[in-house]
Amino acid sequence: MAAPDYSNLRVLLTRPAGRNDALRLSLQSAGVAVAVEPLLAIVPLESLDKAVQQASRQRILDLDYYHALIFISVNAVEQGCELIDSYWPQWPLGLELFAIGEATARALQDRGLSVSATGAGAMNSEALLASAALQDIDQRRILIVRGVGGRETLAQTLRQRCARVDYAECYGREATAISSGELAALLIQHQINTVVLNSGETLARFVALTTAEQRQRCAAIVPSARVAELAADASFGDIEQSANAGQSATMAALEGLAQRWP
């Protein structure tokens, strides 16, 4: 079977620093020209609003109150586990752990933690909510570990199932310092014709920094129907929706795009 041909793609990766390396290496190994420019940066708990800090720390102090933790992302694992470890050198017994996506689950497993469910397939809130372990949860106390803000679908649905849900918001996200002019120069220098946008927030940042004309010269790889809808309103030259935000799914989406673009 012939190897996929991505040679017509020149790809920009936009995840926060340290989150692009594996995909970059895979693409470069496949002969793809790649540039990396994070559009969002991770902000640690210590830099967040004092009220958010206090609430999140209190919920971690009360960790033995909860039956289950749900980690939203790799960042949630890194920032959340660091906070938990600072208060709980030995975690409370009996905590059930859930993760959204394979990468998040691996980050927990790398710490020696067992994961009950990951939300296979789409690797999003809806996929995790479909798992058998989260159906009969009446009066179970669940702590969602995430960054500040984000979607409310997970918590809302768990509450509809009569779970008692709280958040521990352990990090934030902020725009990086790149200007519109600097990004325009990068797009020209690397002749970028494809941009990987792994969230609605990242897409919004890219749109804010670019013109419709610049976006028309780029195809967007997006991880969900929700982000695809946002991209459809932003004048991209083409849009390819991957099965999820994971590396394998992104590579498959790029392969599909390469058959027709540019």
C-alpha atoms as a PDB file:
ATOM      1  CA  MET A   1       0.000   0.000   0.000  1.00  0.00           C
ATOM      2  CA  ALA A   2       1.429   3.353  -1.050  1.00  0.00           C
ATOM      3  CA  ALA A   3       2.262   5.860   1.653  1.00  0.00           C
ATOM      4  CA  PRO A   4      -0.040   8.901   1.837  1.00  0.00           C
ATOM      5  CA  ASP A   5       1.153  11.852  -0.227  1.00  0.00           C
ATOM      6  CA  TYR A   6       0.998  15.132   1.674  1.00  0.00           C
ATOM      7  CA  SER A   7       3.612  16.890  -0.445  1.00  0.00           C
ATOM      8  CA  ASN A   8       1.230  19.624  -1.622  1.00  0.00           C
ATOM      9  CA  LEU A   9       0.484  20.712   1.961  1.00  0.00           C
ATOM     10  CA  ARG A  10       2.411  23.324   3.943  1.00  0.00           C
ATOM     11  CA  VAL A  11       1.005  23.135   7.428  1.00  0.00           C
ATOM     12  CA  LEU A  12       0.827  25.527  10.377  1.00  0.00           C
ATOM     13  CA  LEU A  13       0.382  24.005  13.856  1.00  0.00           C
ATOM     14  CA  THR A  14      -1.119  26.325  16.470  1.00  0.00           C
ATOM     15  CA  ARG A  15      -1.475  24.481  19.786  1.00  0.00           C
ATOM     16  CA  PRO A  16       0.142  25.872  22.958  1.00  0.00           C
ATOM     17  CA  ALA A  17       3.898  25.450  23.315  1.00  0.00           C
ATOM     18  CA  GLY A  18       4.918  21.839  23.852  1.00  0.00           C
ATOM     19  CA  ARG A  19       1.699  20.415  22.383  1.00  0.00           C
ATOM     20  CA  ASN A  20       2.751  20.396  18.725  1.00  0.00           C
ATOM     21  CA  ASP A  21       5.911  18.285  18.857  1.00  0.00           C
ATOM     22  CA  ALA A  22       4.528  14.801  18.174  1.00  0.00           C
ATOM     23  CA  LEU A  23       2.378  15.894  15.222  1.00  0.00           C
ATOM     24  CA  ARG A  24       5.186  18.038  13.848  1.00  0.00           C
ATOM     25  CA  LEU A  25       7.582  15.079  13.875  1.00  0.00           C
ATOM     26  CA  SER A  26       5.023  12.795  12.224  1.00  0.00           C
ATOM     27  CA  LEU A  27       4.347  15.318   9.489  1.00  0.00           C
ATOM     28  CA  GLN A  28       8.010  16.003   8.884  1.00  0.00           C
ATOM     29  CA  SER A  29       8.660  12.259   8.679  1.00  0.00           C
ATOM     30  CA  ALA A  30       5.980  12.121   5.978  1.00  0.00           C
ATOM     31  CA  GLY A  31       7.742  14.877   4.035  1.00  0.00           C
ATOM     32  CA  VAL A  32       5.365  17.683   4.970  1.00  0.00           C
ATOM     33  CA  ALA A  33       6.630  21.243   5.372  1.00  0.00           C
ATOM     34  CA  VAL A  34       5.579  22.352   8.871  1.00  0.00           C
ATOM     35  CA  ALA A  35       5.667  25.614  10.804  1.00  0.00           C
ATOM     36  CA  VAL A  36       4.712  25.966  14.465  1.00  0.00           C
ATOM     37  CA  GLU A  37       3.201  29.113  15.968  1.00  0.00           C
ATOM     38  CA  PRO A  38       1.208  28.727  19.206  1.00  0.00           C
ATOM     39  CA  LEU A  39      -1.759  31.091  19.255  1.00  0.00           C
ATOM     40  CA  LEU A  40      -2.708  30.456  22.885  1.00  0.00           C
ATOM     41  CA  ALA A  41      -0.563  30.048  25.991  1.00  0.00           C
ATOM     42  CA  ILE A  42      -1.337  28.114  29.166  1.00  0.00           C
ATOM     43  CA  VAL A  43      -1.593  30.276  32.290  1.00  0.00           C
ATOM     44  CA  PRO A  44      -0.922  28.529  35.629  1.00  0.00           C
ATOM     45  CA  LEU A  45      -3.335  28.628  38.546  1.00  0.00           C
ATOM     46  CA  GLU A  46      -1.196  31.152  40.421  1.00  0.00           C
ATOM     47  CA  SER A  47      -1.864  33.737  37.700  1.00  0.00           C
ATOM     48  CA  LEU A  48      -5.638  33.361  37.722  1.00  0.00           C
ATOM     49  CA  ASP A  49      -8.272  35.442  39.463  1.00  0.00           C
ATOM     50  CA  LYS A  50      -8.011  35.059  43.249  1.00  0.00           C
ATOM     51  CA  ALA A  51     -11.592  33.807  43.543  1.00  0.00           C
ATOM     52  CA  VAL A  52     -10.925  31.076  40.965  1.00  0.00           C
ATOM     53  CA  GLN A  53      -7.743  30.090  42.775  1.00  0.00           C
ATOM     54  CA  GLN A  54      -9.498  29.872  46.116  1.00  0.00           C
ATOM     55  CA  ALA A  55     -12.435  27.846  44.789  1.00  0.00           C
ATOM     56  CA  SER A  56     -10.229  25.385  42.922  1.00  0.00           C
ATOM     57  CA  ARG A  57      -7.849  24.901  45.840  1.00  0.00           C
ATOM     58  CA  GLN A  58     -10.765  24.294  48.202  1.00  0.00           C
ATOM     59  CA  ARG A  59     -12.220  21.634  45.928  1.00  0.00           C
ATOM     60  CA  ILE A  60      -8.869  19.878  45.745  1.00  0.00           C
ATOM     61  CA  LEU A  61      -8.605  20.064  49.545  1.00  0.00           C
ATOM     62  CA  ASP A  62     -12.025  18.376  49.621  1.00  0.00           C
ATOM     63  CA  LEU A  63     -10.968  15.702  47.131  1.00  0.00           C
ATOM     64  CA  ASP A  64     -12.072  12.840  49.395  1.00  0.00           C
ATOM     65  CA  TYR A  65     -15.628  14.209  49.128  1.00  0.00           C
ATOM     66  CA  TYR A  66     -15.854  13.180  45.465  1.00  0.00           C
ATOM     67  CA  HIS A  67     -16.559   9.821  43.862  1.00  0.00           C
ATOM     68  CA  ALA A  68     -14.999  10.635  40.482  1.00  0.00           C
ATOM     69  CA  LEU A  69     -12.719  13.071  38.651  1.00  0.00           C
ATOM     70  CA  ILE A  70     -13.029  13.951  34.980  1.00  0.00           C
ATOM     71  CA  PHE A  71      -9.949  15.414  33.307  1.00  0.00           C
ATOM     72  CA  ILE A  72     -10.721  17.471  30.215  1.00  0.00           C
ATOM     73  CA  SER A  73      -7.271  17.613  28.584  1.00  0.00           C
ATOM     74  CA  VAL A  74      -3.570  16.910  28.929  1.00  0.00           C
ATOM     75  CA  ASN A  75      -3.187  20.394  30.378  1.00  0.00           C
ATOM     76  CA  ALA A  76      -5.836  19.532  32.964  1.00  0.00           C
ATOM     77  CA  VAL A  77      -3.859  16.433  33.919  1.00  0.00           C
ATOM     78  CA  GLU A  78      -0.567  18.296  34.220  1.00  0.00           C
ATOM     79  CA  GLN A  79      -1.898  21.304  36.107  1.00  0.00           C
ATOM     80  CA  GLY A  80      -4.545  19.435  38.084  1.00  0.00           C
ATOM     81  CA  CYS A  81      -2.339  16.563  39.209  1.00  0.00           C
ATOM     82  CA  GLU A  82       0.361  18.997  40.294  1.00  0.00           C
ATOM     83  CA  LEU A  83      -2.199  20.766  42.472  1.00  0.00           C
ATOM     84  CA  ILE A  84      -3.614  17.510  43.822  1.00  0.00           C
ATOM     85  CA  ASP A  85      -0.151  16.171  44.650  1.00  0.00           C
ATOM     86  CA  SER A  86       0.640  19.335  46.610  1.00  0.00           C
ATOM     87  CA  TYR A  87      -2.271  18.623  48.970  1.00  0.00           C
ATOM     88  CA  TRP A  88      -2.584  14.847  48.708  1.00  0.00           C
ATOM     89  CA  PRO A  89       0.775  12.984  48.593  1.00  0.00           C
ATOM     90  CA  GLN A  90      -1.412   9.884  48.591  1.00  0.00           C
ATOM     91  CA  TRP A  91      -4.654  10.336  46.683  1.00  0.00           C
ATOM     92  CA  PRO A  92      -7.925   9.371  48.415  1.00  0.00           C
ATOM     93  CA  LEU A  93      -8.878   5.742  47.870  1.00  0.00           C
ATOM     94  CA  GLY A  94     -11.759   4.841  45.582  1.00  0.00           C
ATOM     95  CA  LEU A  95     -11.623   7.820  43.224  1.00  0.00           C
ATOM     96  CA  GLU A  96     -12.770   6.846  39.736  1.00  0.00           C
ATOM     97  CA  LEU A  97     -10.924   8.701  36.971  1.00  0.00           C
ATOM     98  CA  PHE A  98     -12.259   9.639  33.545  1.00  0.00           C
ATOM     99  CA  ALA A  99     -10.494  11.373  30.666  1.00  0.00           C
ATOM    100  CA  ILE A 100     -11.608  13.039  27.468  1.00  0.00           C
ATOM    101  CA  GLY A 101      -9.464  11.577  24.714  1.00  0.00           C
ATOM    102  CA  GLU A 102      -6.626   9.112  24.420  1.00  0.00           C
ATOM    103  CA  ALA A 103      -3.865  11.668  25.017  1.00  0.00           C
ATOM    104  CA  THR A 104      -5.492  12.760  28.276  1.00  0.00           C
ATOM    105  CA  ALA A 105      -5.856   9.144  29.366  1.00  0.00           C
ATOM    106  CA  ARG A 106      -2.212   8.434  28.523  1.00  0.00           C
ATOM    107  CA  ALA A 107      -1.120  11.441  30.575  1.00  0.00           C
ATOM    108  CA  LEU A 108      -2.941   9.962  33.580  1.00  0.00           C
ATOM    109  CA  GLN A 109      -1.621   6.465  32.935  1.00  0.00           C
ATOM    110  CA  ASP A 110       1.917   7.830  32.689  1.00  0.00           C
ATOM    111  CA  ARG A 111       1.422   8.927  36.294  1.00  0.00           C
ATOM    112  CA  GLY A 112       0.411   5.422  37.303  1.00  0.00           C
ATOM    113  CA  LEU A 113      -3.304   6.234  37.433  1.00  0.00           C
ATOM    114  CA  SER A 114      -6.069   3.999  36.062  1.00  0.00           C
ATOM    115  CA  VAL A 115      -8.734   5.439  33.774  1.00  0.00           C
ATOM    116  CA  SER A 116     -12.294   4.088  33.648  1.00  0.00           C
ATOM    117  CA  ALA A 117     -13.368   5.613  30.318  1.00  0.00           C
ATOM    118  CA  THR A 118     -12.028   8.030  27.714  1.00  0.00           C
ATOM    119  CA  GLY A 119     -14.849   8.839  25.322  1.00  0.00           C
ATOM    120  CA  ALA A 120     -13.695   6.764  22.363  1.00  0.00           C
ATOM    121  CA  GLY A 121     -14.215   7.897  18.790  1.00  0.00           C
ATOM    122  CA  ALA A 122     -14.915  11.619  18.829  1.00  0.00           C
ATOM    123  CA  MET A 123     -12.928  12.049  22.077  1.00  0.00           C
ATOM    124  CA  ASN A 124     -15.196  14.865  23.266  1.00  0.00           C
ATOM    125  CA  SER A 125     -17.705  15.471  26.038  1.00  0.00           C
ATOM    126  CA  GLU A 126     -20.510  13.777  24.133  1.00  0.00           C
ATOM    127  CA  ALA A 127     -18.434  10.643  23.575  1.00  0.00           C
ATOM    128  CA  LEU A 128     -17.481  10.422  27.246  1.00  0.00           C
ATOM    129  CA  LEU A 129     -21.090  10.972  28.296  1.00  0.00           C
ATOM    130  CA  ALA A 130     -22.058   7.921  26.221  1.00  0.00           C
ATOM    131  CA  SER A 131     -19.821   5.618  28.280  1.00  0.00           C
ATOM    132  CA  ALA A 132     -21.623   3.052  30.426  1.00  0.00           C
ATOM    133  CA  ALA A 133     -19.899   4.194  33.618  1.00  0.00           C
ATOM    134  CA  LEU A 134     -21.540   7.635  33.437  1.00  0.00           C
ATOM    135  CA  GLN A 135     -25.142   6.553  32.967  1.00  0.00           C
ATOM    136  CA  ASP A 136     -26.309   5.571  36.465  1.00  0.00           C
ATOM    137  CA  ILE A 137     -24.772   8.386  38.515  1.00  0.00           C
ATOM    138  CA  ASP A 138     -27.632   9.574  40.722  1.00  0.00           C
ATOM    139  CA  GLN A 139     -26.154  11.606  43.624  1.00  0.00           C
ATOM    140  CA  ARG A 140     -22.580  10.745  42.705  1.00  0.00           C
ATOM    141  CA  ARG A 141     -20.198  13.625  43.396  1.00  0.00           C
ATOM    142  CA  ILE A 142     -18.043  14.447  40.369  1.00  0.00           C
ATOM    143  CA  LEU A 143     -15.233  16.985  40.051  1.00  0.00           C
ATOM    144  CA  ILE A 144     -14.361  18.200  36.549  1.00  0.00           C
ATOM    145  CA  VAL A 145     -10.727  19.288  36.242  1.00  0.00           C
ATOM    146  CA  ARG A 146     -10.319  21.811  33.438  1.00  0.00           C
ATOM    147  CA  GLY A 147      -9.135  25.274  32.448  1.00  0.00           C
ATOM    148  CA  VAL A 148     -11.123  28.432  33.065  1.00  0.00           C
ATOM    149  CA  GLY A 149     -14.168  28.620  30.812  1.00  0.00           C
ATOM    150  CA  GLY A 150     -15.044  26.200  28.058  1.00  0.00           C
ATOM    151  CA  ARG A 151     -18.101  24.183  27.167  1.00  0.00           C
ATOM    152  CA  GLU A 152     -20.791  23.405  29.743  1.00  0.00           C
ATOM    153  CA  THR A 153     -22.235  20.330  27.993  1.00  0.00           C
ATOM    154  CA  LEU A 154     -20.489  17.819  30.240  1.00  0.00           C
ATOM    155  CA  ALA A 155     -21.515  19.345  33.566  1.00  0.00           C
ATOM    156  CA  GLN A 156     -25.047  20.130  32.388  1.00  0.00           C
ATOM    157  CA  THR A 157     -25.672  16.572  31.214  1.00  0.00           C
ATOM    158  CA  LEU A 158     -24.191  15.002  34.342  1.00  0.00           C
ATOM    159  CA  ARG A 159     -26.455  17.223  36.461  1.00  0.00           C
ATOM    160  CA  GLN A 160     -29.450  16.178  34.360  1.00  0.00           C
ATOM    161  CA  ARG A 161     -28.523  12.627  35.373  1.00  0.00           C
ATOM    162  CA  CYS A 162     -28.704  13.826  39.008  1.00  0.00           C
ATOM    163  CA  ALA A 163     -24.968  13.882  39.676  1.00  0.00           C
ATOM    164  CA  ARG A 164     -23.534  16.618  41.898  1.00  0.00           C
ATOM    165  CA  VAL A 165     -20.902  18.373  39.817  1.00  0.00           C
ATOM    166  CA  ASP A 166     -18.190  20.916  40.624  1.00  0.00           C
ATOM    167  CA  TYR A 167     -15.253  22.398  38.717  1.00  0.00           C
ATOM    168  CA  ALA A 168     -11.604  22.645  39.666  1.00  0.00           C
ATOM    169  CA  GLU A 169     -10.297  25.192  37.156  1.00  0.00           C
ATOM    170  CA  CYS A 170      -6.544  24.709  37.392  1.00  0.00           C
ATOM    171  CA  TYR A 171      -5.219  26.825  34.522  1.00  0.00           C
ATOM    172  CA  GLY A 172      -6.197  29.464  32.036  1.00  0.00           C
ATOM    173  CA  ARG A 173      -5.494  30.286  28.413  1.00  0.00           C
ATOM    174  CA  GLU A 174      -4.387  33.597  26.979  1.00  0.00           C
ATOM    175  CA  ALA A 175      -3.486  34.892  23.550  1.00  0.00           C
ATOM    176  CA  THR A 176       0.181  34.748  22.658  1.00  0.00           C
ATOM    177  CA  ALA A 177       2.009  37.934  21.721  1.00  0.00           C
ATOM    178  CA  ILE A 178       2.162  37.383  17.956  1.00  0.00           C
ATOM    179  CA  SER A 179       0.751  40.287  15.945  1.00  0.00           C
ATOM    180  CA  SER A 180      -1.263  40.235  12.732  1.00  0.00           C
ATOM    181  CA  GLY A 181       1.778  41.448  10.816  1.00  0.00           C
ATOM    182  CA  GLU A 182       4.050  38.789  12.292  1.00  0.00           C
ATOM    183  CA  LEU A 183       1.580  36.031  11.487  1.00  0.00           C
ATOM    184  CA  ALA A 184       1.126  37.377   7.956  1.00  0.00           C
ATOM    185  CA  ALA A 185       4.898  37.298   7.465  1.00  0.00           C
ATOM    186  CA  LEU A 186       5.050  33.715   8.750  1.00  0.00           C
ATOM    187  CA  LEU A 187       2.276  32.605   6.382  1.00  0.00           C
ATOM    188  CA  ILE A 188       4.178  34.106   3.455  1.00  0.00           C
ATOM    189  CA  GLN A 189       7.608  32.867   4.531  1.00  0.00           C
ATOM    190  CA  HIS A 190       6.450  29.256   4.872  1.00  0.00           C
ATOM    191  CA  GLN A 191       3.862  29.470   2.057  1.00  0.00           C
ATOM    192  CA  ILE A 192       1.282  28.060   4.451  1.00  0.00           C
ATOM    193  CA  ASN A 193      -1.827  26.640   2.804  1.00  0.00           C
ATOM    194  CA  THR A 194      -3.187  24.553   5.700  1.00  0.00           C
ATOM    195  CA  VAL A 195      -3.713  25.403   9.368  1.00  0.00           C
ATOM    196  CA  VAL A 196      -4.578  22.951  12.149  1.00  0.00           C
ATOM    197  CA  LEU A 197      -6.992  24.570  14.628  1.00  0.00           C
ATOM    198  CA  ASN A 198      -7.746  22.285  17.564  1.00  0.00           C
ATOM    199  CA  SER A 199     -10.404  24.353  19.330  1.00  0.00           C
ATOM    200  CA  GLY A 200     -12.945  27.073  18.792  1.00  0.00           C
ATOM    201  CA  GLU A 201     -10.843  29.440  20.863  1.00  0.00           C
ATOM    202  CA  THR A 202      -7.776  28.818  18.701  1.00  0.00           C
ATOM    203  CA  LEU A 203      -9.842  29.311  15.555  1.00  0.00           C
ATOM    204  CA  ALA A 204     -11.186  32.608  16.896  1.00  0.00           C
ATOM    205  CA  ARG A 205      -7.651  33.782  17.601  1.00  0.00           C
ATOM    206  CA  PHE A 206      -6.502  32.872  14.079  1.00  0.00           C
ATOM    207  CA  VAL A 207      -9.493  34.688  12.595  1.00  0.00           C
ATOM    208  CA  ALA A 208      -8.755  37.776  14.699  1.00  0.00           C
ATOM    209  CA  LEU A 209      -5.181  37.874  13.394  1.00  0.00           C
ATOM    210  CA  THR A 210      -5.898  37.300   9.702  1.00  0.00           C
ATOM    211  CA  THR A 211      -7.912  38.766   6.858  1.00  0.00           C
ATOM    212  CA  ALA A 212     -10.571  36.943   4.869  1.00  0.00           C
ATOM    213  CA  GLU A 213      -8.198  37.003   1.890  1.00  0.00           C
ATOM    214  CA  GLN A 214      -5.475  35.282   3.914  1.00  0.00           C
ATOM    215  CA  ARG A 215      -7.910  32.636   5.153  1.00  0.00           C
ATOM    216  CA  GLN A 216      -9.161  31.954   1.644  1.00  0.00           C
ATOM    217  CA  ARG A 217      -5.636  30.818   0.810  1.00  0.00           C
ATOM    218  CA  CYS A 218      -5.684  28.346   3.729  1.00  0.00           C
ATOM    219  CA  ALA A 219      -7.575  25.159   4.446  1.00  0.00           C
ATOM    220  CA  ALA A 220      -8.547  24.515   8.069  1.00  0.00           C
ATOM    221  CA  ILE A 221      -8.287  21.175   9.854  1.00  0.00           C
ATOM    222  CA  VAL A 222     -10.793  21.179  12.736  1.00  0.00           C
ATOM    223  CA  PRO A 223     -11.621  18.506  15.358  1.00  0.00           C
ATOM    224  CA  SER A 224     -15.420  18.611  15.552  1.00  0.00           C
ATOM    225  CA  ALA A 225     -18.646  19.619  13.848  1.00  0.00           C
ATOM    226  CA  ARG A 226     -18.974  22.531  16.274  1.00  0.00           C
ATOM    227  CA  VAL A 227     -15.597  24.000  15.278  1.00  0.00           C
ATOM    228  CA  ALA A 228     -16.317  23.209  11.622  1.00  0.00           C
ATOM    229  CA  GLU A 229     -19.423  25.406  11.852  1.00  0.00           C
ATOM    230  CA  LEU A 230     -17.312  28.242  13.215  1.00  0.00           C
ATOM    231  CA  ALA A 231     -14.785  27.750  10.436  1.00  0.00           C
ATOM    232  CA  ALA A 232     -17.532  27.773   7.807  1.00  0.00           C
ATOM    233  CA  ASP A 233     -18.305  31.376   8.751  1.00  0.00           C
ATOM    234  CA  ALA A 234     -14.661  32.452   8.498  1.00  0.00           C
ATOM    235  CA  SER A 235     -13.956  32.289   4.735  1.00  0.00           C
ATOM    236  CA  PHE A 236     -11.403  29.457   4.732  1.00  0.00           C
ATOM    237  CA  GLY A 237     -10.497  28.067   1.337  1.00  0.00           C
ATOM    238  CA  ASP A 238     -11.439  24.562   2.472  1.00  0.00           C
ATOM    239  CA  ILE A 239     -12.380  22.784   5.702  1.00  0.00           C
ATOM    240  CA  GLU A 240     -11.623  19.212   6.713  1.00  0.00           C
ATOM    241  CA  GLN A 241     -13.139  17.838   9.909  1.00  0.00           C
ATOM    242  CA  SER A 242     -11.086  15.161  11.645  1.00  0.00           C
ATOM    243  CA  ALA A 243     -12.661  12.406  13.721  1.00  0.00           C
ATOM    244  CA  ASN A 244     -11.206  14.006  16.850  1.00  0.00           C
ATOM    245  CA  ALA A 245      -8.283  16.174  17.955  1.00  0.00           C
ATOM    246  CA  GLY A 246      -5.859  13.256  18.279  1.00  0.00           C
ATOM    247  CA  GLN A 247      -2.729  12.873  16.202  1.00  0.00           C
ATOM    248  CA  SER A 248      -3.893   9.868  14.158  1.00  0.00           C
ATOM    249  CA  ALA A 249      -7.191  11.518  13.302  1.00  0.00           C
ATOM    250  CA  THR A 250      -5.443  14.749  12.339  1.00  0.00           C
ATOM    251  CA  MET A 251      -3.044  12.869  10.064  1.00  0.00           C
ATOM    252  CA  ALA A 252      -6.003  11.108   8.436  1.00  0.00           C
ATOM    253  CA  ALA A 253      -7.772  14.436   7.909  1.00  0.00           C
ATOM    254  CA  LEU A 254      -4.654  15.905   6.319  1.00  0.00           C
ATOM    255  CA  GLU A 255      -4.438  12.893   4.020  1.00  0.00           C
ATOM    256  CA  GLY A 256      -8.026  13.451   2.928  1.00  0.00           C
ATOM    257  CA  LEU A 257      -7.433  17.147   2.398  1.00  0.00           C
ATOM    258  CA  ALA A 258      -4.267  16.541   0.378  1.00  0.00           C
ATOM    259  CA  GLN A 259      -6.301  14.706  -2.264  1.00  0.00           C
ATOM    260  CA  ARG A 260      -8.111  17.900  -3.242  1.00  0.00           C
ATOM    261  CA  TRP A 261      -6.196  20.890  -1.863  1.00  0.00           C
ATOM    262  CA  PRO A 262      -4.904  23.302  -2.903  1.00  0.00           C
END
